[in-house]
Protein backbone atom coordinates (compact mmCIF):
# COMPACT_ATOMS: atom_id res chain seq x y z
CA MET A 1 30.42 4.49 4.11
CA ASP A 2 31.43 7.85 2.67
CA LEU A 3 29.04 10.45 4.09
CA ARG A 4 31.05 13.53 3.22
CA LEU A 5 28.89 16.61 2.89
CA LYS A 6 28.25 17.58 -0.72
CA SER A 7 25.49 20.13 -0.14
CA VAL A 8 26.12 23.70 -1.20
CA PRO A 9 25.60 26.21 1.65
CA LEU A 10 22.33 28.00 0.96
CA THR A 11 22.86 31.76 0.89
CA PRO A 12 19.95 34.19 0.37
CA GLN A 13 21.18 34.70 -3.18
CA LEU A 14 21.21 30.97 -3.94
CA HIS A 15 17.79 30.54 -2.38
CA ALA A 16 16.39 33.29 -4.59
CA TYR A 17 18.06 31.62 -7.58
CA THR A 18 16.48 28.24 -6.84
CA VAL A 19 13.02 29.77 -6.47
CA ASP A 20 13.48 31.77 -9.67
CA HIS A 21 14.45 28.63 -11.57
CA GLY A 22 11.46 26.56 -10.46
CA SER A 23 7.90 26.80 -11.72
CA PRO A 24 6.92 30.49 -11.71
CA LEU A 25 4.33 31.85 -9.30
CA ASP A 26 1.14 33.14 -10.83
CA PRO A 27 -0.66 36.29 -9.56
CA VAL A 28 -2.98 34.33 -7.23
CA ALA A 29 -0.09 32.52 -5.55
CA ARG A 30 1.90 35.75 -5.24
CA GLY A 31 -1.11 37.51 -3.80
CA LEU A 32 -1.75 34.78 -1.24
CA ILE A 33 1.89 34.78 -0.14
CA GLY A 34 1.78 38.57 0.17
CA CYS A 35 -1.46 38.49 2.15
CA THR A 36 -0.06 35.89 4.53
CA ASN A 37 3.14 37.87 5.00
CA GLU A 38 1.03 40.76 6.32
CA LEU A 39 0.10 38.63 9.34
CA PRO A 40 2.30 38.85 12.47
CA HIS A 41 5.68 37.25 11.77
CA GLU A 42 5.26 34.39 14.24
CA VAL A 43 2.07 33.44 12.37
CA ALA A 44 3.14 34.19 8.80
CA ARG A 45 6.23 32.00 9.12
CA MET A 46 3.97 28.93 9.17
CA GLN A 47 3.42 29.28 5.42
CA ILE A 48 5.34 26.83 3.28
CA PRO A 49 7.90 28.37 0.89
CA PRO A 50 7.37 28.51 -2.90
CA GLU A 51 9.87 25.75 -3.63
CA LEU A 52 7.97 23.33 -1.38
CA GLY A 53 4.71 24.38 -2.98
CA ALA A 54 6.13 23.58 -6.42
CA LEU A 55 7.29 20.19 -5.14
CA LEU A 56 3.81 19.41 -3.80
CA THR A 57 2.22 20.18 -7.16
CA LEU A 58 4.78 18.05 -8.97
CA LEU A 59 4.45 15.08 -6.59
CA THR A 60 0.66 15.24 -6.80
CA ARG A 61 0.87 15.07 -10.58
CA LEU A 62 3.48 12.30 -10.54
CA VAL A 63 1.24 9.94 -8.54
CA ASP A 64 -1.82 10.94 -10.59
CA ALA A 65 -3.55 11.83 -7.34
CA ARG A 66 -7.31 11.83 -7.11
CA PHE A 67 -7.59 11.92 -3.32
CA VAL A 68 -5.19 14.03 -1.27
CA VAL A 69 -5.33 14.69 2.47
CA GLU A 70 -3.61 17.71 4.01
CA ILE A 71 -3.15 18.25 7.74
CA GLY A 72 -2.76 21.98 8.34
CA ALA A 73 -4.30 24.29 5.75
CA PHE A 74 -3.30 27.61 7.38
CA THR A 75 -3.96 30.32 4.73
CA GLY A 76 -4.21 27.78 1.96
CA TYR A 77 -1.05 28.08 -0.11
CA GLY A 78 -0.09 24.42 0.23
CA THR A 79 -3.70 23.42 -0.45
CA LEU A 80 -3.68 25.55 -3.60
CA CYS A 81 -0.50 23.83 -4.81
CA LEU A 82 -1.93 20.38 -4.11
CA ALA A 83 -5.25 21.18 -5.81
CA ARG A 84 -3.45 22.37 -8.93
CA GLY A 85 -1.70 19.00 -9.23
CA LEU A 86 -4.83 16.84 -8.95
CA ALA A 87 -5.97 14.49 -11.66
CA PRO A 88 -9.34 15.44 -13.23
CA GLY A 89 -12.14 14.99 -10.72
CA GLY A 90 -9.72 14.83 -7.78
CA THR A 91 -10.21 16.26 -4.31
CA VAL A 92 -8.01 17.69 -1.58
CA LEU A 93 -9.42 17.13 1.89
CA THR A 94 -7.69 19.67 4.11
CA CYS A 95 -7.89 20.02 7.89
CA ASP A 96 -7.47 23.07 10.09
CA ILE A 97 -8.98 24.52 13.26
CA SER A 98 -8.88 28.23 12.36
CA GLN A 99 -11.84 29.97 10.73
CA GLU A 100 -9.78 33.16 10.50
CA TRP A 101 -6.86 31.72 8.55
CA THR A 102 -8.96 29.49 6.33
CA ALA A 103 -11.13 32.48 5.37
CA ILE A 104 -8.03 33.89 3.67
CA ALA A 105 -7.54 30.51 2.02
CA ARG A 106 -11.11 30.31 0.71
CA THR A 107 -10.76 33.65 -1.03
CA ALA A 108 -7.58 32.56 -2.81
CA TRP A 109 -8.98 29.17 -3.78
CA ALA A 110 -12.01 30.81 -5.36
CA GLU A 111 -9.83 33.31 -7.20
CA ALA A 112 -7.67 30.47 -8.54
CA GLY A 113 -10.72 28.49 -9.68
CA VAL A 114 -9.92 25.43 -7.53
CA ALA A 115 -12.48 25.83 -4.71
CA ASP A 116 -14.58 22.98 -6.12
CA ARG A 117 -11.61 20.61 -5.70
CA ILE A 118 -11.12 21.37 -1.99
CA ASP A 119 -13.01 19.88 0.95
CA LEU A 120 -12.11 21.98 4.01
CA ARG A 121 -12.84 20.45 7.43
CA VAL A 122 -12.56 22.97 10.29
CA ALA A 123 -12.20 20.57 13.19
CA PRO A 124 -9.44 18.72 15.06
CA ALA A 125 -7.54 16.82 12.36
CA GLU A 126 -7.30 13.61 14.35
CA ASP A 127 -11.10 13.45 14.59
CA THR A 128 -11.43 14.01 10.85
CA LEU A 129 -8.86 11.32 10.06
CA ARG A 130 -10.42 8.75 12.36
CA ALA A 131 -13.76 9.24 10.62
CA LEU A 132 -12.29 8.58 7.17
CA PRO A 133 -12.97 5.18 5.60
CA HIS A 134 -10.11 3.19 4.12
CA GLU A 135 -11.71 3.38 0.68
CA PRO A 136 -11.09 5.24 -1.51
CA PRO A 137 -7.43 5.12 -0.53
CA ILE A 138 -5.36 8.27 -0.18
CA ASP A 139 -2.92 8.91 -3.03
CA LEU A 140 -0.90 11.58 -1.23
CA ALA A 141 -0.91 12.99 2.29
CA PHE A 142 0.80 16.17 3.47
CA ILE A 143 1.44 16.81 7.17
CA ASP A 144 2.24 20.35 8.29
CA ALA A 145 0.49 21.05 11.58
CA ASP A 146 1.02 20.82 15.35
CA LYS A 147 4.24 18.88 15.91
CA GLN A 148 3.11 17.14 19.11
CA ASN A 149 0.55 15.17 17.09
CA TYR A 150 2.71 14.22 14.10
CA ILE A 151 2.94 10.57 15.15
CA ARG A 152 -0.82 10.35 15.69
CA TYR A 153 -1.48 11.82 12.23
CA TRP A 154 1.05 9.45 10.68
CA GLU A 155 -0.58 6.41 12.26
CA GLU A 156 -4.02 7.43 11.05
CA LEU A 157 -2.78 8.16 7.54
CA VAL A 158 -0.42 5.31 6.68
CA PRO A 159 -3.08 2.56 6.70
CA ARG A 160 -5.28 4.73 4.46
CA VAL A 161 -2.60 5.54 1.86
CA ARG A 162 -2.55 3.22 -1.14
CA SER A 163 0.46 1.13 -2.05
CA GLY A 164 2.73 3.42 -4.07
CA GLY A 165 1.14 6.51 -2.56
CA LEU A 166 3.14 9.24 -0.84
CA LEU A 167 3.31 10.88 2.57
CA VAL A 168 5.06 14.26 2.68
CA VAL A 169 5.96 15.82 6.03
CA ASP A 170 7.21 19.36 6.62
CA ASN A 171 9.46 20.79 9.36
CA VAL A 172 11.31 17.54 10.03
CA LEU A 173 14.51 19.45 10.91
CA TYR A 174 12.66 21.98 13.06
CA GLY A 175 15.22 24.72 12.72
CA GLY A 176 18.03 22.27 13.45
CA GLU A 177 16.67 21.38 16.89
CA VAL A 178 16.50 17.68 15.99
CA VAL A 179 20.27 17.46 16.54
CA THR A 180 20.62 19.79 19.54
CA ALA A 181 21.13 18.61 23.11
CA THR A 182 18.24 20.63 24.53
CA PRO A 183 15.48 20.98 21.94
CA SER A 184 12.18 22.71 22.63
CA GLU A 185 9.07 20.62 23.21
CA ASN A 186 8.23 20.84 19.52
CA GLY A 187 11.80 20.05 18.50
CA ALA A 188 11.79 16.98 20.73
CA ALA A 189 8.42 15.91 19.31
CA VAL A 190 9.73 16.17 15.76
CA ARG A 191 12.81 14.15 16.70
CA ARG A 192 10.57 11.41 18.15
CA PHE A 193 8.50 11.50 14.99
CA ASN A 194 11.57 11.14 12.77
CA GLU A 195 12.73 8.09 14.73
CA HIS A 196 9.22 6.63 14.54
CA VAL A 197 9.12 7.02 10.77
CA ARG A 198 12.64 5.66 10.28
CA ALA A 199 11.59 2.45 12.06
CA ASP A 200 8.36 2.07 10.03
CA ASP A 201 8.84 -0.79 7.55
CA ARG A 202 5.58 0.07 5.79
CA VAL A 203 7.36 2.84 3.90
CA GLU A 204 10.57 3.74 2.10
CA LEU A 205 11.68 7.31 2.60
CA VAL A 206 14.10 10.14 2.08
CA MET A 207 14.64 13.23 4.23
CA LEU A 208 15.49 16.36 2.27
CA THR A 209 17.09 19.56 3.54
CA LEU A 210 14.59 21.59 1.55
CA ALA A 211 13.35 24.56 3.61
CA ASP A 212 12.93 23.37 7.24
CA GLY A 213 13.35 19.74 6.25
CA VAL A 214 10.93 17.59 4.27
CA THR A 215 10.43 13.84 4.48
CA ILE A 216 8.95 12.05 1.49
CA ALA A 217 7.79 8.49 2.15
CA ARG A 218 6.38 5.97 -0.31
CA LYS A 219 3.94 3.36 0.98
CA ARG A 220 5.19 -0.11 0.12
């Protein structure tokens, strides 16, 4: 099998070019990104990049999603992107444990006019997922939270996602630690998760080198 690398090295200039040639950011999205970037760097870096946000909106529209579940709202940019892709009458159920960060999110959602499409649960995500019924099924799930629990979230979500629905997972390269000899605890957890997903015959999937690595899986 020919696995020669065909990817173009991503320079800052090329990254800016790719963002500039995707769907443009509106003032609310720009404002939310700017507000998040004012937080301490180690916190602000948890925000997904614009190109992933655009992908989330597009995927949500492509599956005609009416019920979306997000694990890890943070300051709400990903939630905003998901909500904007919903079919009429759709809902994003998003999970987080921070009142402080989600307060920023609530302000942006209201400003964008999507607050009525978002059901925020401030509680441990695993508890929220376990309480969810299997009907209505989930059309799309997005995981971007504590890495140690990725497998637990996956196992709660997959049975609840409809056939043909999508699971999208962020940070699956974890800064490249998934291929290092001595990864951090989080890097090792992500590597275990990736192996778990690769062996899951309930889905078909692709891992993309977008941002910090994104896996997109389709429920069979």
